[in-house]
Amino acid sequence: MNLEDLIKNNEGTILDVRTEGEFVGGSVAGSINIPVQDLMDRLEEVKSMKEPLVLCCASGQRSGMAQQMLTIEGIECYNGGGWMEVNFHKA
């Protein structure tokens, strides 16, 4: 299954790694916000989420960093890129 299908079929959890302020300004419906700098402190919470995780941010850079961090922790996750792109596939 490709990333688009994962998003369309709600196969996992959409995790937005932008700041809370950015998230409040617009986000994917049903997504969860944990800023990338807080991921390691909230690792147990992240591990309890339905996998795979589709990570998003503003451009894909922070979600790429988050993907590397979480993959090392054994979490199945994908870099979805910018939240607007993920939102487009979810519609």
PDB file of N, CA and C in Angstrom:
ATOM      1  N   MET A   1       0.854  -1.181   0.000  1.00  0.00           N
ATOM      2  CA  MET A   1       0.000   0.000   0.000  1.00  0.00           C
ATOM      3  C   MET A   1       0.896   1.240   0.000  1.00  0.00           C
ATOM      4  N   ASN A   2       0.570   2.184  -0.843  1.00  0.00           N
ATOM      5  CA  ASN A   2       1.390   3.391  -0.901  1.00  0.00           C
ATOM      6  C   ASN A   2       0.894   4.429   0.105  1.00  0.00           C
ATOM      7  N   LEU A   3       1.651   5.492   0.247  1.00  0.00           N
ATOM      8  CA  LEU A   3       1.350   6.533   1.233  1.00  0.00           C
ATOM      9  C   LEU A   3      -0.019   7.165   1.008  1.00  0.00           C
ATOM     10  N   GLU A   4      -0.354   7.442  -0.249  1.00  0.00           N
ATOM     11  CA  GLU A   4      -1.661   8.031  -0.558  1.00  0.00           C
ATOM     12  C   GLU A   4      -2.792   7.143  -0.047  1.00  0.00           C
ATOM     13  N   ASP A   5      -2.669   5.839  -0.288  1.00  0.00           N
ATOM     14  CA  ASP A   5      -3.706   4.898   0.143  1.00  0.00           C
ATOM     15  C   ASP A   5      -3.788   4.818   1.661  1.00  0.00           C
ATOM     16  N   LEU A   6      -2.635   4.858   2.335  1.00  0.00           N
ATOM     17  CA  LEU A   6      -2.636   4.851   3.799  1.00  0.00           C
ATOM     18  C   LEU A   6      -3.452   6.021   4.342  1.00  0.00           C
ATOM     19  N   ILE A   7      -3.257   7.181   3.734  1.00  0.00           N
ATOM     20  CA  ILE A   7      -3.961   8.389   4.180  1.00  0.00           C
ATOM     21  C   ILE A   7      -5.446   8.293   3.850  1.00  0.00           C
ATOM     22  N   LYS A   8      -5.765   7.943   2.607  1.00  0.00           N
ATOM     23  CA  LYS A   8      -7.166   7.879   2.167  1.00  0.00           C
ATOM     24  C   LYS A   8      -7.973   6.872   2.976  1.00  0.00           C
ATOM     25  N   ASN A   9      -7.348   5.750   3.316  1.00  0.00           N
ATOM     26  CA  ASN A   9      -8.048   4.663   3.994  1.00  0.00           C
ATOM     27  C   ASN A   9      -7.933   4.721   5.513  1.00  0.00           C
ATOM     28  N   ASN A  10      -7.368   5.806   6.038  1.00  0.00           N
ATOM     29  CA  ASN A  10      -7.191   5.955   7.492  1.00  0.00           C
ATOM     30  C   ASN A  10      -6.542   4.723   8.117  1.00  0.00           C
ATOM     31  N   GLU A  11      -5.475   4.253   7.492  1.00  0.00           N
ATOM     32  CA  GLU A  11      -4.819   3.028   7.940  1.00  0.00           C
ATOM     33  C   GLU A  11      -3.984   3.208   9.208  1.00  0.00           C
ATOM     34  N   GLY A  12      -3.624   4.416   9.532  1.00  0.00           N
ATOM     35  CA  GLY A  12      -2.787   4.648  10.703  1.00  0.00           C
ATOM     36  C   GLY A  12      -3.177   5.942  11.387  1.00  0.00           C
ATOM     37  N   THR A  13      -2.158   6.643  11.864  1.00  0.00           N
ATOM     38  CA  THR A  13      -2.361   7.901  12.572  1.00  0.00           C
ATOM     39  C   THR A  13      -1.590   9.001  11.867  1.00  0.00           C
ATOM     40  N   ILE A  14      -2.224  10.136  11.685  1.00  0.00           N
ATOM     41  CA  ILE A  14      -1.534  11.296  11.115  1.00  0.00           C
ATOM     42  C   ILE A  14      -0.998  12.116  12.286  1.00  0.00           C
ATOM     43  N   LEU A  15       0.306  12.263  12.319  1.00  0.00           N
ATOM     44  CA  LEU A  15       0.985  12.980  13.395  1.00  0.00           C
ATOM     45  C   LEU A  15       1.640  14.229  12.821  1.00  0.00           C
ATOM     46  N   ASP A  16       1.173  15.376  13.256  1.00  0.00           N
ATOM     47  CA  ASP A  16       1.676  16.670  12.801  1.00  0.00           C
ATOM     48  C   ASP A  16       2.760  17.113  13.784  1.00  0.00           C
ATOM     49  N   VAL A  17       3.972  17.329  13.291  1.00  0.00           N
ATOM     50  CA  VAL A  17       5.105  17.645  14.167  1.00  0.00           C
ATOM     51  C   VAL A  17       5.466  19.130  14.172  1.00  0.00           C
ATOM     52  N   ARG A  18       4.533  19.968  13.705  1.00  0.00           N
ATOM     53  CA  ARG A  18       4.755  21.414  13.767  1.00  0.00           C
ATOM     54  C   ARG A  18       4.518  21.915  15.189  1.00  0.00           C
ATOM     55  N   THR A  19       4.802  23.187  15.409  1.00  0.00           N
ATOM     56  CA  THR A  19       4.534  23.785  16.721  1.00  0.00           C
ATOM     57  C   THR A  19       3.029  23.868  16.947  1.00  0.00           C
ATOM     58  N   GLU A  20       2.643  24.023  18.201  1.00  0.00           N
ATOM     59  CA  GLU A  20       1.226  24.132  18.532  1.00  0.00           C
ATOM     60  C   GLU A  20       0.589  25.328  17.826  1.00  0.00           C
ATOM     61  N   GLY A  21       1.309  26.444  17.767  1.00  0.00           N
ATOM     62  CA  GLY A  21       0.798  27.640  17.098  1.00  0.00           C
ATOM     63  C   GLY A  21       0.530  27.406  15.620  1.00  0.00           C
ATOM     64  N   GLU A  22       1.428  26.695  14.958  1.00  0.00           N
ATOM     65  CA  GLU A  22       1.232  26.375  13.540  1.00  0.00           C
ATOM     66  C   GLU A  22       0.031  25.447  13.375  1.00  0.00           C
ATOM     67  N   PHE A  23      -0.064  24.462  14.248  1.00  0.00           N
ATOM     68  CA  PHE A  23      -1.135  23.471  14.186  1.00  0.00           C
ATOM     69  C   PHE A  23      -2.507  24.129  14.338  1.00  0.00           C
ATOM     70  N   VAL A  24      -2.617  25.049  15.288  1.00  0.00           N
ATOM     71  CA  VAL A  24      -3.878  25.743  15.529  1.00  0.00           C
ATOM     72  C   VAL A  24      -4.285  26.570  14.310  1.00  0.00           C
ATOM     73  N   GLY A  25      -3.313  27.033  13.552  1.00  0.00           N
ATOM     74  CA  GLY A  25      -3.587  27.838  12.366  1.00  0.00           C
ATOM     75  C   GLY A  25      -4.135  27.050  11.199  1.00  0.00           C
ATOM     76  N   GLY A  26      -4.124  25.732  11.266  1.00  0.00           N
ATOM     77  CA  GLY A  26      -4.634  24.864  10.206  1.00  0.00           C
ATOM     78  C   GLY A  26      -3.986  23.508  10.303  1.00  0.00           C
ATOM     79  N   SER A  27      -4.781  22.454  10.133  1.00  0.00           N
ATOM     80  CA  SER A  27      -4.247  21.097  10.258  1.00  0.00           C
ATOM     81  C   SER A  27      -5.152  20.103   9.553  1.00  0.00           C
ATOM     82  N   VAL A  28      -4.660  18.885   9.425  1.00  0.00           N
ATOM     83  CA  VAL A  28      -5.431  17.793   8.841  1.00  0.00           C
ATOM     84  C   VAL A  28      -6.472  17.349   9.868  1.00  0.00           C
ATOM     85  N   ALA A  29      -7.712  17.219   9.442  1.00  0.00           N
ATOM     86  CA  ALA A  29      -8.777  16.774  10.353  1.00  0.00           C
ATOM     87  C   ALA A  29      -8.407  15.431  10.980  1.00  0.00           C
ATOM     88  N   GLY A  30      -8.515  15.359  12.290  1.00  0.00           N
ATOM     89  CA  GLY A  30      -8.230  14.118  13.004  1.00  0.00           C
ATOM     90  C   GLY A  30      -6.762  13.871  13.311  1.00  0.00           C
ATOM     91  N   SER A  31      -5.903  14.785  12.886  1.00  0.00           N
ATOM     92  CA  SER A  31      -4.472  14.593  13.152  1.00  0.00           C
ATOM     93  C   SER A  31      -4.151  14.944  14.603  1.00  0.00           C
ATOM     94  N   ILE A  32      -3.020  14.427  15.062  1.00  0.00           N
ATOM     95  CA  ILE A  32      -2.533  14.669  16.416  1.00  0.00           C
ATOM     96  C   ILE A  32      -1.290  15.533  16.313  1.00  0.00           C
ATOM     97  N   ASN A  33      -1.159  16.488  17.209  1.00  0.00           N
ATOM     98  CA  ASN A  33      -0.023  17.404  17.190  1.00  0.00           C
ATOM     99  C   ASN A  33       0.931  17.111  18.336  1.00  0.00           C
ATOM    100  N   ILE A  34       2.157  16.732  17.959  1.00  0.00           N
ATOM    101  CA  ILE A  34       3.269  16.654  18.909  1.00  0.00           C
ATOM    102  C   ILE A  34       4.461  17.289  18.196  1.00  0.00           C
ATOM    103  N   PRO A  35       4.888  18.462  18.648  1.00  0.00           N
ATOM    104  CA  PRO A  35       6.028  19.116  17.989  1.00  0.00           C
ATOM    105  C   PRO A  35       7.264  18.214  17.979  1.00  0.00           C
ATOM    106  N   VAL A  36       8.035  18.293  16.915  1.00  0.00           N
ATOM    107  CA  VAL A  36       9.193  17.412  16.743  1.00  0.00           C
ATOM    108  C   VAL A  36      10.135  17.477  17.948  1.00  0.00           C
ATOM    109  N   GLN A  37      10.277  18.651  18.543  1.00  0.00           N
ATOM    110  CA  GLN A  37      11.188  18.777  19.677  1.00  0.00           C
ATOM    111  C   GLN A  37      10.665  18.077  20.937  1.00  0.00           C
ATOM    112  N   ASP A  38       9.385  17.699  20.947  1.00  0.00           N
ATOM    113  CA  ASP A  38       8.788  17.017  22.099  1.00  0.00           C
ATOM    114  C   ASP A  38       8.643  15.508  21.902  1.00  0.00           C
ATOM    115  N   LEU A  39       8.987  15.004  20.730  1.00  0.00           N
ATOM    116  CA  LEU A  39       8.741  13.593  20.420  1.00  0.00           C
ATOM    117  C   LEU A  39       9.399  12.635  21.405  1.00  0.00           C
ATOM    118  N   MET A  40      10.645  12.854  21.728  1.00  0.00           N
ATOM    119  CA  MET A  40      11.341  11.909  22.607  1.00  0.00           C
ATOM    120  C   MET A  40      10.777  11.944  24.026  1.00  0.00           C
ATOM    121  N   ASP A  41      10.333  13.115  24.478  1.00  0.00           N
ATOM    122  CA  ASP A  41       9.729  13.221  25.808  1.00  0.00           C
ATOM    123  C   ASP A  41       8.360  12.555  25.851  1.00  0.00           C
ATOM    124  N   ARG A  42       7.721  12.436  24.717  1.00  0.00           N
ATOM    125  CA  ARG A  42       6.363  11.865  24.650  1.00  0.00           C
ATOM    126  C   ARG A  42       6.353  10.540  23.892  1.00  0.00           C
ATOM    127  N   LEU A  43       7.485   9.844  23.927  1.00  0.00           N
ATOM    128  CA  LEU A  43       7.671   8.623  23.147  1.00  0.00           C
ATOM    129  C   LEU A  43       6.634   7.548  23.490  1.00  0.00           C
ATOM    130  N   GLU A  44       6.305   7.374  24.754  1.00  0.00           N
ATOM    131  CA  GLU A  44       5.321   6.351  25.130  1.00  0.00           C
ATOM    132  C   GLU A  44       3.957   6.659  24.511  1.00  0.00           C
ATOM    133  N   GLU A  45       3.601   7.926  24.488  1.00  0.00           N
ATOM    134  CA  GLU A  45       2.348   8.347  23.854  1.00  0.00           C
ATOM    135  C   GLU A  45       2.373   8.030  22.359  1.00  0.00           C
ATOM    136  N   VAL A  46       3.503   8.327  21.729  1.00  0.00           N
ATOM    137  CA  VAL A  46       3.647   8.058  20.298  1.00  0.00           C
ATOM    138  C   VAL A  46       3.563   6.555  20.035  1.00  0.00           C
ATOM    139  N   LYS A  47       4.218   5.760  20.877  1.00  0.00           N
ATOM    140  CA  LYS A  47       4.215   4.303  20.696  1.00  0.00           C
ATOM    141  C   LYS A  47       2.825   3.703  20.864  1.00  0.00           C
ATOM    142  N   SER A  48       1.933   4.391  21.560  1.00  0.00           N
ATOM    143  CA  SER A  48       0.578   3.873  21.765  1.00  0.00           C
ATOM    144  C   SER A  48      -0.349   4.180  20.586  1.00  0.00           C
ATOM    145  N   MET A  49       0.111   4.982  19.638  1.00  0.00           N
ATOM    146  CA  MET A  49      -0.717   5.359  18.490  1.00  0.00           C
ATOM    147  C   MET A  49      -0.789   4.211  17.484  1.00  0.00           C
ATOM    148  N   LYS A  50      -1.903   4.163  16.763  1.00  0.00           N
ATOM    149  CA  LYS A  50      -2.094   3.153  15.722  1.00  0.00           C
ATOM    150  C   LYS A  50      -1.068   3.386  14.606  1.00  0.00           C
ATOM    151  N   GLU A  51      -0.283   2.366  14.324  1.00  0.00           N
ATOM    152  CA  GLU A  51       0.704   2.447  13.248  1.00  0.00           C
ATOM    153  C   GLU A  51       0.088   1.966  11.949  1.00  0.00           C
ATOM    154  N   PRO A  52       0.644   2.401  10.829  1.00  0.00           N
ATOM    155  CA  PRO A  52       1.794   3.281  10.681  1.00  0.00           C
ATOM    156  C   PRO A  52       1.426   4.741  10.932  1.00  0.00           C
ATOM    157  N   LEU A  53       2.434   5.502  11.324  1.00  0.00           N
ATOM    158  CA  LEU A  53       2.248   6.934  11.502  1.00  0.00           C
ATOM    159  C   LEU A  53       2.581   7.634  10.188  1.00  0.00           C
ATOM    160  N   VAL A  54       1.753   8.594   9.828  1.00  0.00           N
ATOM    161  CA  VAL A  54       2.044   9.459   8.684  1.00  0.00           C
ATOM    162  C   VAL A  54       2.403  10.809   9.285  1.00  0.00           C
ATOM    163  N   LEU A  55       3.652  11.189   9.142  1.00  0.00           N
ATOM    164  CA  LEU A  55       4.167  12.408   9.747  1.00  0.00           C
ATOM    165  C   LEU A  55       4.056  13.564   8.762  1.00  0.00           C
ATOM    166  N   CYS A  56       3.681  14.725   9.285  1.00  0.00           N
ATOM    167  CA  CYS A  56       3.612  15.898   8.424  1.00  0.00           C
ATOM    168  C   CYS A  56       4.038  17.135   9.202  1.00  0.00           C
ATOM    169  N   CYS A  57       4.395  18.174   8.468  1.00  0.00           N
ATOM    170  CA  CYS A  57       4.783  19.461   9.053  1.00  0.00           C
ATOM    171  C   CYS A  57       4.409  20.536   8.041  1.00  0.00           C
ATOM    172  N   ALA A  58       5.218  21.559   7.909  1.00  0.00           N
ATOM    173  CA  ALA A  58       4.923  22.601   6.928  1.00  0.00           C
ATOM    174  C   ALA A  58       5.458  22.234   5.542  1.00  0.00           C
ATOM    175  N   SER A  59       6.672  21.696   5.492  1.00  0.00           N
ATOM    176  CA  SER A  59       7.308  21.436   4.199  1.00  0.00           C
ATOM    177  C   SER A  59       7.793  20.011   4.001  1.00  0.00           C
ATOM    178  N   GLY A  60       7.894  19.244   5.067  1.00  0.00           N
ATOM    179  CA  GLY A  60       8.428  17.888   4.993  1.00  0.00           C
ATOM    180  C   GLY A  60       9.783  17.754   5.655  1.00  0.00           C
ATOM    181  N   GLN A  61      10.405  18.873   6.005  1.00  0.00           N
ATOM    182  CA  GLN A  61      11.731  18.819   6.616  1.00  0.00           C
ATOM    183  C   GLN A  61      11.661  18.283   8.055  1.00  0.00           C
ATOM    184  N   ARG A  62      10.814  18.874   8.877  1.00  0.00           N
ATOM    185  CA  ARG A  62      10.699  18.408  10.266  1.00  0.00           C
ATOM    186  C   ARG A  62      10.108  17.003  10.336  1.00  0.00           C
ATOM    187  N   SER A  63       9.163  16.702   9.460  1.00  0.00           N
ATOM    188  CA  SER A  63       8.594  15.356   9.463  1.00  0.00           C
ATOM    189  C   SER A  63       9.637  14.327   9.027  1.00  0.00           C
ATOM    190  N   GLY A  64      10.573  14.732   8.179  1.00  0.00           N
ATOM    191  CA  GLY A  64      11.682  13.855   7.802  1.00  0.00           C
ATOM    192  C   GLY A  64      12.593  13.577   8.986  1.00  0.00           C
ATOM    193  N   MET A  65      12.871  14.611   9.771  1.00  0.00           N
ATOM    194  CA  MET A  65      13.677  14.430  10.987  1.00  0.00           C
ATOM    195  C   MET A  65      12.945  13.514  11.966  1.00  0.00           C
ATOM    196  N   ALA A  66      11.638  13.746  12.112  1.00  0.00           N
ATOM    197  CA  ALA A  66      10.827  12.925  13.015  1.00  0.00           C
ATOM    198  C   ALA A  66      10.824  11.467  12.564  1.00  0.00           C
ATOM    199  N   GLN A  67      10.751  11.250  11.261  1.00  0.00           N
ATOM    200  CA  GLN A  67      10.759   9.887  10.738  1.00  0.00           C
ATOM    201  C   GLN A  67      12.049   9.167  11.120  1.00  0.00           C
ATOM    202  N   GLN A  68      13.168   9.840  10.984  1.00  0.00           N
ATOM    203  CA  GLN A  68      14.447   9.230  11.359  1.00  0.00           C
ATOM    204  C   GLN A  68      14.465   8.881  12.848  1.00  0.00           C
ATOM    205  N   MET A  69      14.011   9.811  13.680  1.00  0.00           N
ATOM    206  CA  MET A  69      14.004   9.602  15.132  1.00  0.00           C
ATOM    207  C   MET A  69      13.112   8.420  15.520  1.00  0.00           C
ATOM    208  N   LEU A  70      11.918   8.369  14.956  1.00  0.00           N
ATOM    209  CA  LEU A  70      10.953   7.344  15.341  1.00  0.00           C
ATOM    210  C   LEU A  70      11.282   5.978  14.754  1.00  0.00           C
ATOM    211  N   THR A  71      11.871   5.953  13.564  1.00  0.00           N
ATOM    212  CA  THR A  71      12.282   4.687  12.956  1.00  0.00           C
ATOM    213  C   THR A  71      13.338   4.011  13.832  1.00  0.00           C
ATOM    214  N   ILE A  72      14.255   4.791  14.360  1.00  0.00           N
ATOM    215  CA  ILE A  72      15.289   4.255  15.268  1.00  0.00           C
ATOM    216  C   ILE A  72      14.631   3.609  16.493  1.00  0.00           C
ATOM    217  N   GLU A  73      13.490   4.135  16.914  1.00  0.00           N
ATOM    218  CA  GLU A  73      12.764   3.612  18.072  1.00  0.00           C
ATOM    219  C   GLU A  73      11.861   2.425  17.708  1.00  0.00           C
ATOM    220  N   GLY A  74      11.904   2.003  16.444  1.00  0.00           N
ATOM    221  CA  GLY A  74      11.140   0.839  16.013  1.00  0.00           C
ATOM    222  C   GLY A  74       9.689   1.132  15.645  1.00  0.00           C
ATOM    223  N   ILE A  75       9.370   2.387  15.391  1.00  0.00           N
ATOM    224  CA  ILE A  75       8.005   2.781  15.046  1.00  0.00           C
ATOM    225  C   ILE A  75       7.873   2.857  13.529  1.00  0.00           C
ATOM    226  N   GLU A  76       6.847   2.205  12.998  1.00  0.00           N
ATOM    227  CA  GLU A  76       6.599   2.257  11.558  1.00  0.00           C
ATOM    228  C   GLU A  76       6.001   3.615  11.219  1.00  0.00           C
ATOM    229  N   CYS A  77       6.720   4.392  10.422  1.00  0.00           N
ATOM    230  CA  CYS A  77       6.250   5.736  10.100  1.00  0.00           C
ATOM    231  C   CYS A  77       6.754   6.160   8.727  1.00  0.00           C
ATOM    232  N   TYR A  78       6.044   7.130   8.172  1.00  0.00           N
ATOM    233  CA  TYR A  78       6.348   7.643   6.839  1.00  0.00           C
ATOM    234  C   TYR A  78       6.325   9.161   6.859  1.00  0.00           C
ATOM    235  N   ASN A  79       7.182   9.756   6.061  1.00  0.00           N
ATOM    236  CA  ASN A  79       7.186  11.208   5.915  1.00  0.00           C
ATOM    237  C   ASN A  79       6.138  11.582   4.877  1.00  0.00           C
ATOM    238  N   GLY A  80       5.034  12.168   5.353  1.00  0.00           N
ATOM    239  CA  GLY A  80       3.973  12.579   4.444  1.00  0.00           C
ATOM    240  C   GLY A  80       4.230  13.926   3.799  1.00  0.00           C
ATOM    241  N   GLY A  81       5.261  14.641   4.270  1.00  0.00           N
ATOM    242  CA  GLY A  81       5.568  15.956   3.722  1.00  0.00           C
ATOM    243  C   GLY A  81       4.755  17.042   4.396  1.00  0.00           C
ATOM    244  N   GLY A  82       4.384  18.038   3.627  1.00  0.00           N
ATOM    245  CA  GLY A  82       3.612  19.154   4.155  1.00  0.00           C
ATOM    246  C   GLY A  82       2.194  18.749   4.523  1.00  0.00           C
ATOM    247  N   TRP A  83       1.665  19.355   5.565  1.00  0.00           N
ATOM    248  CA  TRP A  83       0.324  18.983   6.036  1.00  0.00           C
ATOM    249  C   TRP A  83      -0.748  19.233   4.982  1.00  0.00           C
ATOM    250  N   MET A  84      -0.569  20.246   4.148  1.00  0.00           N
ATOM    251  CA  MET A  84      -1.565  20.540   3.121  1.00  0.00           C
ATOM    252  C   MET A  84      -1.618  19.424   2.074  1.00  0.00           C
ATOM    253  N   GLU A  85      -0.467  18.834   1.803  1.00  0.00           N
ATOM    254  CA  GLU A  85      -0.410  17.710   0.861  1.00  0.00           C
ATOM    255  C   GLU A  85      -1.118  16.491   1.455  1.00  0.00           C
ATOM    256  N   VAL A  86      -0.865  16.225   2.740  1.00  0.00           N
ATOM    257  CA  VAL A  86      -1.538  15.115   3.416  1.00  0.00           C
ATOM    258  C   VAL A  86      -3.034  15.369   3.443  1.00  0.00           C
ATOM    259  N   ASN A  87      -3.428  16.581   3.725  1.00  0.00           N
ATOM    260  CA  ASN A  87      -4.840  16.961   3.776  1.00  0.00           C
ATOM    261  C   ASN A  87      -5.507  16.736   2.416  1.00  0.00           C
ATOM    262  N   PHE A  88      -4.797  17.026   1.339  1.00  0.00           N
ATOM    263  CA  PHE A  88      -5.323  16.817  -0.024  1.00  0.00           C
ATOM    264  C   PHE A  88      -5.642  15.346  -0.255  1.00  0.00           C
ATOM    265  N   HIS A  89      -4.752  14.453   0.203  1.00  0.00           N
ATOM    266  CA  HIS A  89      -4.949  13.007   0.000  1.00  0.00           C
ATOM    267  C   HIS A  89      -6.042  12.454   0.899  1.00  0.00           C
ATOM    268  N   LYS A  90      -6.282  13.110   2.016  1.00  0.00           N
ATOM    269  CA  LYS A  90      -7.289  12.641   2.960  1.00  0.00           C
ATOM    270  C   LYS A  90      -8.708  12.942   2.463  1.00  0.00           C
ATOM    271  N   ALA A  91      -8.833  14.010   1.697  1.00  0.00           N
ATOM    272  CA  ALA A  91     -10.175  14.456   1.246  1.00  0.00           C
ATOM    273  C   ALA A  91     -10.849  13.450   0.348  1.00  0.00           C
TER     274      ALA A  91
END
